[in-house]
């Protein structure tokens, strides 16, 4: 096979595997999602003792078939990109690897087979296939809002940690000698976190009047605290952003999210089209 033919073959295979704009790409991703769902269902059914005893051989063979297909797919994704490490260490690359190796690890280590449930993460590829504006828009807007909010939320969480430590220490001083479960400051901080988040396990509870009063204040604070990060993300969520429906991925650097009318990769300048 000539060098030119090999380049053309890899480019065509890249279009099928990495893009959902073409008919072949949609079919490939559709079949891939069917196998992902089937694999997840197999793991779920296998965890049922009665079904596993009766259909163990079938489950095992089916899972091996799916694992081998995923292995071939993973190798294909690696060889068709010009910079394989870009894909291997990308989010989807790590997910694809983690969803493929558990079955092989189960031959060496007991209990790792259940990790194939990680394949559920690969279902996120459905947004590329559907390519419906409302799904793409909402997912992109949510991701953007979370990225823009991470600094504010980090500061907020740091403040909550400080508050939990202070409140836990105060409760320890108030309840330490009352046999109410506040046996140490770390335990008391654990209680303050549980109370602030309104979880309320009930394994530790104050018995003194002062402790109950402080607990009441913490519970009321908890409702307000839950609303703050929601408000931060919501404020960013309502901001407008141009949505691109182009699913083309650069064969050279594997960069996605190109403009709808893009001819070249905005990151490395590689030609995105086969016929140019």
C-alpha atoms as a PDB file:
ATOM      1  CA  UNK A   1       0.000   0.000   0.000  1.00  0.00           C
ATOM      2  CA  UNK A   2       1.437   3.391  -1.046  1.00  0.00           C
ATOM      3  CA  UNK A   3       1.967   6.177   1.444  1.00  0.00           C
ATOM      4  CA  UNK A   4      -0.768   8.263  -0.216  1.00  0.00           C
ATOM      5  CA  UNK A   5      -3.260   5.377  -0.042  1.00  0.00           C
ATOM      6  CA  UNK A   6      -2.404   4.768   3.607  1.00  0.00           C
ATOM      7  CA  UNK A   7      -2.980   8.435   4.453  1.00  0.00           C
ATOM      8  CA  UNK A   8      -6.317   8.412   2.641  1.00  0.00           C
ATOM      9  CA  UNK A   9      -7.361   5.168   4.372  1.00  0.00           C
ATOM     10  CA  UNK A  10      -6.515   6.567   7.819  1.00  0.00           C
ATOM     11  CA  UNK A  11      -8.326   9.813   7.037  1.00  0.00           C
ATOM     12  CA  UNK A  12     -11.459   7.917   5.997  1.00  0.00           C
ATOM     13  CA  UNK A  13     -11.337   5.708   9.094  1.00  0.00           C
ATOM     14  CA  UNK A  14     -10.787   8.812  11.258  1.00  0.00           C
ATOM     15  CA  UNK A  15     -13.907  10.370   9.756  1.00  0.00           C
ATOM     16  CA  UNK A  16     -15.947   7.275  10.617  1.00  0.00           C
ATOM     17  CA  UNK A  17     -14.615   6.814  14.155  1.00  0.00           C
ATOM     18  CA  UNK A  18     -14.307  10.384  15.384  1.00  0.00           C
ATOM     19  CA  UNK A  19     -17.075  12.268  13.583  1.00  0.00           C
ATOM     20  CA  UNK A  20     -20.860  12.039  13.627  1.00  0.00           C
ATOM     21  CA  UNK A  21     -21.640  14.326  10.677  1.00  0.00           C
ATOM     22  CA  UNK A  22     -21.414  11.544   8.101  1.00  0.00           C
ATOM     23  CA  UNK A  23     -23.742   8.603   7.616  1.00  0.00           C
ATOM     24  CA  UNK A  24     -20.940   6.123   8.309  1.00  0.00           C
ATOM     25  CA  UNK A  25     -19.966   8.024  11.466  1.00  0.00           C
ATOM     26  CA  UNK A  26     -23.527   7.989  12.758  1.00  0.00           C
ATOM     27  CA  UNK A  27     -23.866   4.259  12.092  1.00  0.00           C
ATOM     28  CA  UNK A  28     -20.542   3.565  13.816  1.00  0.00           C
ATOM     29  CA  UNK A  29     -21.470   5.580  16.919  1.00  0.00           C
ATOM     30  CA  UNK A  30     -24.956   4.074  16.966  1.00  0.00           C
ATOM     31  CA  UNK A  31     -23.602   0.507  16.916  1.00  0.00           C
ATOM     32  CA  UNK A  32     -21.010   1.471  19.528  1.00  0.00           C
ATOM     33  CA  UNK A  33     -23.693   2.780  21.890  1.00  0.00           C
ATOM     34  CA  UNK A  34     -25.722  -0.407  21.454  1.00  0.00           C
ATOM     35  CA  UNK A  35     -22.728  -2.469  22.568  1.00  0.00           C
ATOM     36  CA  UNK A  36     -22.058  -0.105  25.488  1.00  0.00           C
ATOM     37  CA  UNK A  37     -25.644  -0.423  26.727  1.00  0.00           C
ATOM     38  CA  UNK A  38     -25.547  -4.192  26.214  1.00  0.00           C
ATOM     39  CA  UNK A  39     -22.332  -4.447  28.213  1.00  0.00           C
ATOM     40  CA  UNK A  40     -23.765  -2.423  31.103  1.00  0.00           C
ATOM     41  CA  UNK A  41     -26.905  -4.566  31.137  1.00  0.00           C
ATOM     42  CA  UNK A  42     -24.786  -7.721  31.186  1.00  0.00           C
ATOM     43  CA  UNK A  43     -22.869  -6.491  34.230  1.00  0.00           C
ATOM     44  CA  UNK A  44     -26.110  -5.593  36.010  1.00  0.00           C
ATOM     45  CA  UNK A  45     -27.736  -8.952  35.250  1.00  0.00           C
ATOM     46  CA  UNK A  46     -24.580 -10.833  36.199  1.00  0.00           C
ATOM     47  CA  UNK A  47     -24.744  -9.305  39.680  1.00  0.00           C
ATOM     48  CA  UNK A  48     -28.054 -11.136  40.238  1.00  0.00           C
ATOM     49  CA  UNK A  49     -27.018 -14.461  41.776  1.00  0.00           C
ATOM     50  CA  UNK A  50     -29.902 -16.494  40.353  1.00  0.00           C
ATOM     51  CA  UNK A  51     -29.302 -15.265  36.798  1.00  0.00           C
ATOM     52  CA  UNK A  52     -25.532 -15.603  37.075  1.00  0.00           C
ATOM     53  CA  UNK A  53     -25.776 -19.245  38.163  1.00  0.00           C
ATOM     54  CA  UNK A  54     -28.055 -20.053  35.243  1.00  0.00           C
ATOM     55  CA  UNK A  55     -26.477 -17.966  32.471  1.00  0.00           C
ATOM     56  CA  UNK A  56     -22.897 -17.525  33.684  1.00  0.00           C
ATOM     57  CA  UNK A  57     -21.304 -18.986  30.542  1.00  0.00           C
ATOM     58  CA  UNK A  58     -23.450 -16.807  28.274  1.00  0.00           C
ATOM     59  CA  UNK A  59     -22.637 -13.666  30.260  1.00  0.00           C
ATOM     60  CA  UNK A  60     -18.932 -14.471  30.192  1.00  0.00           C
ATOM     61  CA  UNK A  61     -18.783 -15.160  26.447  1.00  0.00           C
ATOM     62  CA  UNK A  62     -20.881 -12.105  25.597  1.00  0.00           C
ATOM     63  CA  UNK A  63     -18.697  -9.881  27.759  1.00  0.00           C
ATOM     64  CA  UNK A  64     -15.530 -11.215  26.136  1.00  0.00           C
ATOM     65  CA  UNK A  65     -16.961 -10.542  22.668  1.00  0.00           C
ATOM     66  CA  UNK A  66     -17.837  -6.969  23.616  1.00  0.00           C
ATOM     67  CA  UNK A  67     -14.452  -6.447  25.289  1.00  0.00           C
ATOM     68  CA  UNK A  68     -12.595  -7.627  22.188  1.00  0.00           C
ATOM     69  CA  UNK A  69     -14.692  -5.317  19.991  1.00  0.00           C
ATOM     70  CA  UNK A  70     -13.960  -2.393  22.310  1.00  0.00           C
ATOM     71  CA  UNK A  71     -10.269  -3.287  22.230  1.00  0.00           C
ATOM     72  CA  UNK A  72     -10.277  -3.187  18.433  1.00  0.00           C
ATOM     73  CA  UNK A  73     -12.113   0.134  18.526  1.00  0.00           C
ATOM     74  CA  UNK A  74      -9.592   1.573  21.002  1.00  0.00           C
ATOM     75  CA  UNK A  75      -6.647   0.472  18.857  1.00  0.00           C
ATOM     76  CA  UNK A  76      -8.370   1.956  15.804  1.00  0.00           C
ATOM     77  CA  UNK A  77      -8.788   5.305  17.582  1.00  0.00           C
ATOM     78  CA  UNK A  78      -5.087   5.302  18.442  1.00  0.00           C
ATOM     79  CA  UNK A  79      -3.711   4.454  14.984  1.00  0.00           C
ATOM     80  CA  UNK A  80      -5.835   6.885  12.933  1.00  0.00           C
ATOM     81  CA  UNK A  81      -4.698  10.027  14.780  1.00  0.00           C
ATOM     82  CA  UNK A  82      -1.329  11.557  13.975  1.00  0.00           C
ATOM     83  CA  UNK A  83      -0.610  12.238  17.642  1.00  0.00           C
ATOM     84  CA  UNK A  84      -1.836   9.128  19.512  1.00  0.00           C
ATOM     85  CA  UNK A  85      -0.871  10.459  22.949  1.00  0.00           C
ATOM     86  CA  UNK A  86      -3.311  13.333  22.468  1.00  0.00           C
ATOM     87  CA  UNK A  87      -6.170  10.854  22.345  1.00  0.00           C
ATOM     88  CA  UNK A  88      -4.755   8.413  24.909  1.00  0.00           C
ATOM     89  CA  UNK A  89      -4.522  11.075  27.620  1.00  0.00           C
ATOM     90  CA  UNK A  90      -7.728  12.893  26.678  1.00  0.00           C
ATOM     91  CA  UNK A  91     -10.900  12.457  28.740  1.00  0.00           C
ATOM     92  CA  UNK A  92     -12.508  10.040  26.278  1.00  0.00           C
ATOM     93  CA  UNK A  93      -9.203   8.233  25.781  1.00  0.00           C
ATOM     94  CA  UNK A  94      -8.897   7.505  29.496  1.00  0.00           C
ATOM     95  CA  UNK A  95     -12.566   6.484  29.701  1.00  0.00           C
ATOM     96  CA  UNK A  96     -12.188   4.157  26.696  1.00  0.00           C
ATOM     97  CA  UNK A  97      -9.132   2.503  28.246  1.00  0.00           C
ATOM     98  CA  UNK A  98     -10.718   2.118  31.692  1.00  0.00           C
ATOM     99  CA  UNK A  99     -13.823   0.600  30.138  1.00  0.00           C
ATOM    100  CA  UNK A 100     -11.776  -1.933  28.169  1.00  0.00           C
ATOM    101  CA  UNK A 101      -9.192  -3.303  30.612  1.00  0.00           C
ATOM    102  CA  UNK A 102     -11.395  -4.550  33.535  1.00  0.00           C
ATOM    103  CA  UNK A 103     -12.250  -7.803  31.769  1.00  0.00           C
ATOM    104  CA  UNK A 104      -8.557  -8.491  31.172  1.00  0.00           C
ATOM    105  CA  UNK A 105      -7.735  -7.560  34.780  1.00  0.00           C
ATOM    106  CA  UNK A 106     -10.377 -10.016  35.999  1.00  0.00           C
ATOM    107  CA  UNK A 107      -8.116 -12.819  34.776  1.00  0.00           C
ATOM    108  CA  UNK A 108      -5.508 -11.702  37.330  1.00  0.00           C
ATOM    109  CA  UNK A 109      -7.387  -9.884  40.083  1.00  0.00           C
ATOM    110  CA  UNK A 110     -10.673 -10.954  41.640  1.00  0.00           C
ATOM    111  CA  UNK A 111     -13.494  -8.428  41.785  1.00  0.00           C
ATOM    112  CA  UNK A 112     -12.303  -6.068  39.033  1.00  0.00           C
ATOM    113  CA  UNK A 113     -14.856  -7.258  36.491  1.00  0.00           C
ATOM    114  CA  UNK A 114     -17.525  -5.002  37.979  1.00  0.00           C
ATOM    115  CA  UNK A 115     -15.446  -2.011  36.866  1.00  0.00           C
ATOM    116  CA  UNK A 116     -16.796  -2.475  33.342  1.00  0.00           C
ATOM    117  CA  UNK A 117     -19.730  -0.428  34.598  1.00  0.00           C
ATOM    118  CA  UNK A 118     -17.417   2.512  33.831  1.00  0.00           C
ATOM    119  CA  UNK A 119     -18.572   2.044  30.261  1.00  0.00           C
ATOM    120  CA  UNK A 120     -21.638   4.053  31.239  1.00  0.00           C
ATOM    121  CA  UNK A 121     -19.406   7.131  30.907  1.00  0.00           C
ATOM    122  CA  UNK A 122     -19.051   6.372  27.215  1.00  0.00           C
ATOM    123  CA  UNK A 123     -22.785   6.962  26.799  1.00  0.00           C
ATOM    124  CA  UNK A 124     -21.940  10.670  26.750  1.00  0.00           C
ATOM    125  CA  UNK A 125     -21.068  10.126  23.094  1.00  0.00           C
ATOM    126  CA  UNK A 126     -24.812  10.076  22.439  1.00  0.00           C
ATOM    127  CA  UNK A 127     -24.783  13.882  22.253  1.00  0.00           C
ATOM    128  CA  UNK A 128     -22.537  13.657  19.171  1.00  0.00           C
ATOM    129  CA  UNK A 129     -24.934  11.258  17.493  1.00  0.00           C
ATOM    130  CA  UNK A 130     -28.208  12.991  18.310  1.00  0.00           C
ATOM    131  CA  UNK A 131     -26.761  16.377  17.381  1.00  0.00           C
ATOM    132  CA  UNK A 132     -30.028  17.955  18.416  1.00  0.00           C
ATOM    133  CA  UNK A 133     -29.660  21.644  19.173  1.00  0.00           C
ATOM    134  CA  UNK A 134     -31.415  21.568  22.523  1.00  0.00           C
ATOM    135  CA  UNK A 135     -29.286  18.677  23.845  1.00  0.00           C
ATOM    136  CA  UNK A 136     -26.012  20.140  22.587  1.00  0.00           C
ATOM    137  CA  UNK A 137     -26.925  23.624  23.735  1.00  0.00           C
ATOM    138  CA  UNK A 138     -27.871  22.571  27.248  1.00  0.00           C
ATOM    139  CA  UNK A 139     -24.842  20.322  27.742  1.00  0.00           C
ATOM    140  CA  UNK A 140     -22.411  22.947  26.423  1.00  0.00           C
ATOM    141  CA  UNK A 141     -24.037  25.718  28.453  1.00  0.00           C
ATOM    142  CA  UNK A 142     -23.908  23.649  31.638  1.00  0.00           C
ATOM    143  CA  UNK A 143     -20.229  22.788  31.142  1.00  0.00           C
ATOM    144  CA  UNK A 144     -19.390  26.429  30.448  1.00  0.00           C
ATOM    145  CA  UNK A 145     -21.300  27.564  33.541  1.00  0.00           C
ATOM    146  CA  UNK A 146     -19.449  25.064  35.737  1.00  0.00           C
ATOM    147  CA  UNK A 147     -16.067  26.127  34.317  1.00  0.00           C
ATOM    148  CA  UNK A 148     -16.821  29.810  34.849  1.00  0.00           C
ATOM    149  CA  UNK A 149     -18.069  29.128  38.376  1.00  0.00           C
ATOM    150  CA  UNK A 150     -15.249  26.928  39.626  1.00  0.00           C
ATOM    151  CA  UNK A 151     -13.255  29.774  41.236  1.00  0.00           C
ATOM    152  CA  UNK A 152     -16.267  31.121  43.121  1.00  0.00           C
ATOM    153  CA  UNK A 153     -17.399  27.663  44.184  1.00  0.00           C
ATOM    154  CA  UNK A 154     -13.865  26.784  45.344  1.00  0.00           C
ATOM    155  CA  UNK A 155     -13.794  29.875  47.578  1.00  0.00           C
ATOM    156  CA  UNK A 156     -17.271  29.008  48.850  1.00  0.00           C
ATOM    157  CA  UNK A 157     -16.287  25.411  49.674  1.00  0.00           C
ATOM    158  CA  UNK A 158     -13.164  26.632  51.456  1.00  0.00           C
ATOM    159  CA  UNK A 159     -15.355  28.931  53.554  1.00  0.00           C
ATOM    160  CA  UNK A 160     -17.698  26.019  54.363  1.00  0.00           C
ATOM    161  CA  UNK A 161     -14.774  23.879  55.511  1.00  0.00           C
ATOM    162  CA  UNK A 162     -13.606  26.658  57.846  1.00  0.00           C
ATOM    163  CA  UNK A 163     -17.152  27.135  59.142  1.00  0.00           C
ATOM    164  CA  UNK A 164     -17.565  23.382  59.728  1.00  0.00           C
ATOM    165  CA  UNK A 165     -14.310  23.251  61.707  1.00  0.00           C
ATOM    166  CA  UNK A 166     -15.320  26.211  63.869  1.00  0.00           C
ATOM    167  CA  UNK A 167     -18.845  24.920  64.519  1.00  0.00           C
ATOM    168  CA  UNK A 168     -17.548  21.402  65.186  1.00  0.00           C
ATOM    169  CA  UNK A 169     -15.052  22.732  67.709  1.00  0.00           C
ATOM    170  CA  UNK A 170     -17.744  24.787  69.471  1.00  0.00           C
ATOM    171  CA  UNK A 171     -20.049  21.767  69.665  1.00  0.00           C
ATOM    172  CA  UNK A 172     -17.213  19.663  71.059  1.00  0.00           C
ATOM    173  CA  UNK A 173     -16.660  22.225  73.838  1.00  0.00           C
ATOM    174  CA  UNK A 174     -20.389  22.285  74.635  1.00  0.00           C
ATOM    175  CA  UNK A 175     -21.132  18.536  74.394  1.00  0.00           C
ATOM    176  CA  UNK A 176     -17.805  16.902  75.300  1.00  0.00           C
ATOM    177  CA  UNK A 177     -18.824  15.637  78.754  1.00  0.00           C
ATOM    178  CA  UNK A 178     -22.441  14.762  77.962  1.00  0.00           C
ATOM    179  CA  UNK A 179     -21.991  11.272  76.414  1.00  0.00           C
ATOM    180  CA  UNK A 180     -23.818  12.504  73.315  1.00  0.00           C
ATOM    181  CA  UNK A 181     -21.276  11.230  70.776  1.00  0.00           C
ATOM    182  CA  UNK A 182     -19.061  14.310  70.492  1.00  0.00           C
ATOM    183  CA  UNK A 183     -15.974  12.404  71.545  1.00  0.00           C
ATOM    184  CA  UNK A 184     -13.404  14.447  69.591  1.00  0.00           C
ATOM    185  CA  UNK A 185     -13.099  17.533  67.424  1.00  0.00           C
ATOM    186  CA  UNK A 186     -12.882  15.521  64.157  1.00  0.00           C
ATOM    187  CA  UNK A 187     -16.067  13.665  65.116  1.00  0.00           C
ATOM    188  CA  UNK A 188     -17.742  16.971  65.927  1.00  0.00           C
ATOM    189  CA  UNK A 189     -16.606  18.442  62.585  1.00  0.00           C
ATOM    190  CA  UNK A 190     -18.104  15.386  60.866  1.00  0.00           C
ATOM    191  CA  UNK A 191     -21.392  16.101  62.671  1.00  0.00           C
ATOM    192  CA  UNK A 192     -21.322  19.774  61.640  1.00  0.00           C
ATOM    193  CA  UNK A 193     -20.801  18.814  57.966  1.00  0.00           C
ATOM    194  CA  UNK A 194     -23.662  16.308  58.108  1.00  0.00           C
ATOM    195  CA  UNK A 195     -25.891  18.925  59.719  1.00  0.00           C
ATOM    196  CA  UNK A 196     -24.882  21.772  57.375  1.00  0.00           C
ATOM    197  CA  UNK A 197     -25.666  19.641  54.344  1.00  0.00           C
ATOM    198  CA  UNK A 198     -29.076  18.747  55.893  1.00  0.00           C
ATOM    199  CA  UNK A 199     -28.275  15.030  55.608  1.00  0.00           C
ATOM    200  CA  UNK A 200     -28.824  14.330  59.301  1.00  0.00           C
ATOM    201  CA  UNK A 201     -27.822  10.704  59.873  1.00  0.00           C
ATOM    202  CA  UNK A 202     -28.812  10.911  63.528  1.00  0.00           C
ATOM    203  CA  UNK A 203     -25.841   8.916  64.795  1.00  0.00           C
ATOM    204  CA  UNK A 204     -24.721  11.928  66.864  1.00  0.00           C
ATOM    205  CA  UNK A 205     -27.093  14.430  68.452  1.00  0.00           C
ATOM    206  CA  UNK A 206     -26.673  17.207  71.054  1.00  0.00           C
ATOM    207  CA  UNK A 207     -28.439  16.791  74.398  1.00  0.00           C
ATOM    208  CA  UNK A 208     -27.779  20.124  76.097  1.00  0.00           C
ATOM    209  CA  UNK A 209     -29.967  23.174  75.544  1.00  0.00           C
ATOM    210  CA  UNK A 210     -27.034  25.205  74.234  1.00  0.00           C
ATOM    211  CA  UNK A 211     -25.989  22.415  71.896  1.00  0.00           C
ATOM    212  CA  UNK A 212     -29.510  22.035  70.535  1.00  0.00           C
ATOM    213  CA  UNK A 213     -29.742  25.794  69.993  1.00  0.00           C
ATOM    214  CA  UNK A 214     -26.459  25.804  68.054  1.00  0.00           C
ATOM    215  CA  UNK A 215     -27.640  22.776  66.080  1.00  0.00           C
ATOM    216  CA  UNK A 216     -30.821  24.630  65.142  1.00  0.00           C
ATOM    217  CA  UNK A 217     -28.790  27.566  63.835  1.00  0.00           C
ATOM    218  CA  UNK A 218     -26.595  25.207  61.806  1.00  0.00           C
ATOM    219  CA  UNK A 219     -29.661  23.518  60.285  1.00  0.00           C
ATOM    220  CA  UNK A 220     -31.099  26.867  59.199  1.00  0.00           C
ATOM    221  CA  UNK A 221     -27.722  27.859  57.743  1.00  0.00           C
ATOM    222  CA  UNK A 222     -27.661  24.596  55.856  1.00  0.00           C
ATOM    223  CA  UNK A 223     -30.681  25.506  53.740  1.00  0.00           C
ATOM    224  CA  UNK A 224     -29.071  28.786  52.730  1.00  0.00           C
ATOM    225  CA  UNK A 225     -25.704  27.179  52.057  1.00  0.00           C
ATOM    226  CA  UNK A 226     -27.227  24.666  49.632  1.00  0.00           C
ATOM    227  CA  UNK A 227     -28.734  27.511  47.596  1.00  0.00           C
ATOM    228  CA  UNK A 228     -25.491  29.483  47.171  1.00  0.00           C
ATOM    229  CA  UNK A 229     -23.573  27.203  44.746  1.00  0.00           C
ATOM    230  CA  UNK A 230     -26.808  26.658  42.832  1.00  0.00           C
ATOM    231  CA  UNK A 231     -27.170  30.407  42.441  1.00  0.00           C
ATOM    232  CA  UNK A 232     -23.535  30.798  41.347  1.00  0.00           C
ATOM    233  CA  UNK A 233     -23.879  28.191  38.599  1.00  0.00           C
ATOM    234  CA  UNK A 234     -27.302  29.497  37.570  1.00  0.00           C
ATOM    235  CA  UNK A 235     -25.936  33.025  37.134  1.00  0.00           C
ATOM    236  CA  UNK A 236     -23.338  31.699  34.699  1.00  0.00           C
ATOM    237  CA  UNK A 237     -25.809  29.316  33.099  1.00  0.00           C
ATOM    238  CA  UNK A 238     -28.099  32.070  31.836  1.00  0.00           C
ATOM    239  CA  UNK A 239     -25.275  33.784  29.934  1.00  0.00           C
ATOM    240  CA  UNK A 240     -25.466  33.302  26.188  1.00  0.00           C
ATOM    241  CA  UNK A 241     -22.866  31.446  24.194  1.00  0.00           C
ATOM    242  CA  UNK A 242     -22.699  30.574  20.515  1.00  0.00           C
ATOM    243  CA  UNK A 243     -23.333  26.858  20.051  1.00  0.00           C
ATOM    244  CA  UNK A 244     -21.466  24.885  17.399  1.00  0.00           C
ATOM    245  CA  UNK A 245     -23.066  21.729  16.051  1.00  0.00           C
ATOM    246  CA  UNK A 246     -19.943  20.679  14.110  1.00  0.00           C
ATOM    247  CA  UNK A 247     -18.641  17.341  15.400  1.00  0.00           C
ATOM    248  CA  UNK A 248     -15.491  17.291  13.270  1.00  0.00           C
ATOM    249  CA  UNK A 249     -12.343  16.282  15.101  1.00  0.00           C
ATOM    250  CA  UNK A 250      -8.875  17.201  13.822  1.00  0.00           C
ATOM    251  CA  UNK A 251      -6.989  14.102  12.687  1.00  0.00           C
ATOM    252  CA  UNK A 252      -3.650  15.626  13.649  1.00  0.00           C
ATOM    253  CA  UNK A 253      -4.260  16.971  17.177  1.00  0.00           C
ATOM    254  CA  UNK A 254      -7.720  15.486  17.898  1.00  0.00           C
ATOM    255  CA  UNK A 255      -9.167  18.914  18.759  1.00  0.00           C
ATOM    256  CA  UNK A 256     -12.970  19.228  18.512  1.00  0.00           C
ATOM    257  CA  UNK A 257     -15.546  22.072  18.844  1.00  0.00           C
ATOM    258  CA  UNK A 258     -14.728  23.711  15.511  1.00  0.00           C
ATOM    259  CA  UNK A 259     -16.946  26.365  13.980  1.00  0.00           C
ATOM    260  CA  UNK A 260     -19.672  25.038  11.707  1.00  0.00           C
ATOM    261  CA  UNK A 261     -17.995  26.463   8.567  1.00  0.00           C
ATOM    262  CA  UNK A 262     -14.395  25.716   9.578  1.00  0.00           C
ATOM    263  CA  UNK A 263     -12.031  24.280   6.963  1.00  0.00           C
ATOM    264  CA  UNK A 264      -8.927  24.149   9.136  1.00  0.00           C
ATOM    265  CA  UNK A 265      -8.257  23.242  12.764  1.00  0.00           C
ATOM    266  CA  UNK A 266      -8.186  26.369  14.932  1.00  0.00           C
ATOM    267  CA  UNK A 267      -5.410  24.845  17.073  1.00  0.00           C
ATOM    268  CA  UNK A 268      -2.871  23.342  14.671  1.00  0.00           C
ATOM    269  CA  UNK A 269      -4.116  24.509  11.229  1.00  0.00           C
ATOM    270  CA  UNK A 270      -4.567  20.986   9.833  1.00  0.00           C
ATOM    271  CA  UNK A 271      -7.020  20.599   6.930  1.00  0.00           C
ATOM    272  CA  UNK A 272     -10.316  19.205   8.263  1.00  0.00           C
ATOM    273  CA  UNK A 273     -11.619  17.970   4.923  1.00  0.00           C
ATOM    274  CA  UNK A 274     -10.595  14.948   2.914  1.00  0.00           C
ATOM    275  CA  UNK A 275     -11.120  16.504  -0.512  1.00  0.00           C
ATOM    276  CA  UNK A 276      -8.894  19.564  -0.001  1.00  0.00           C
END
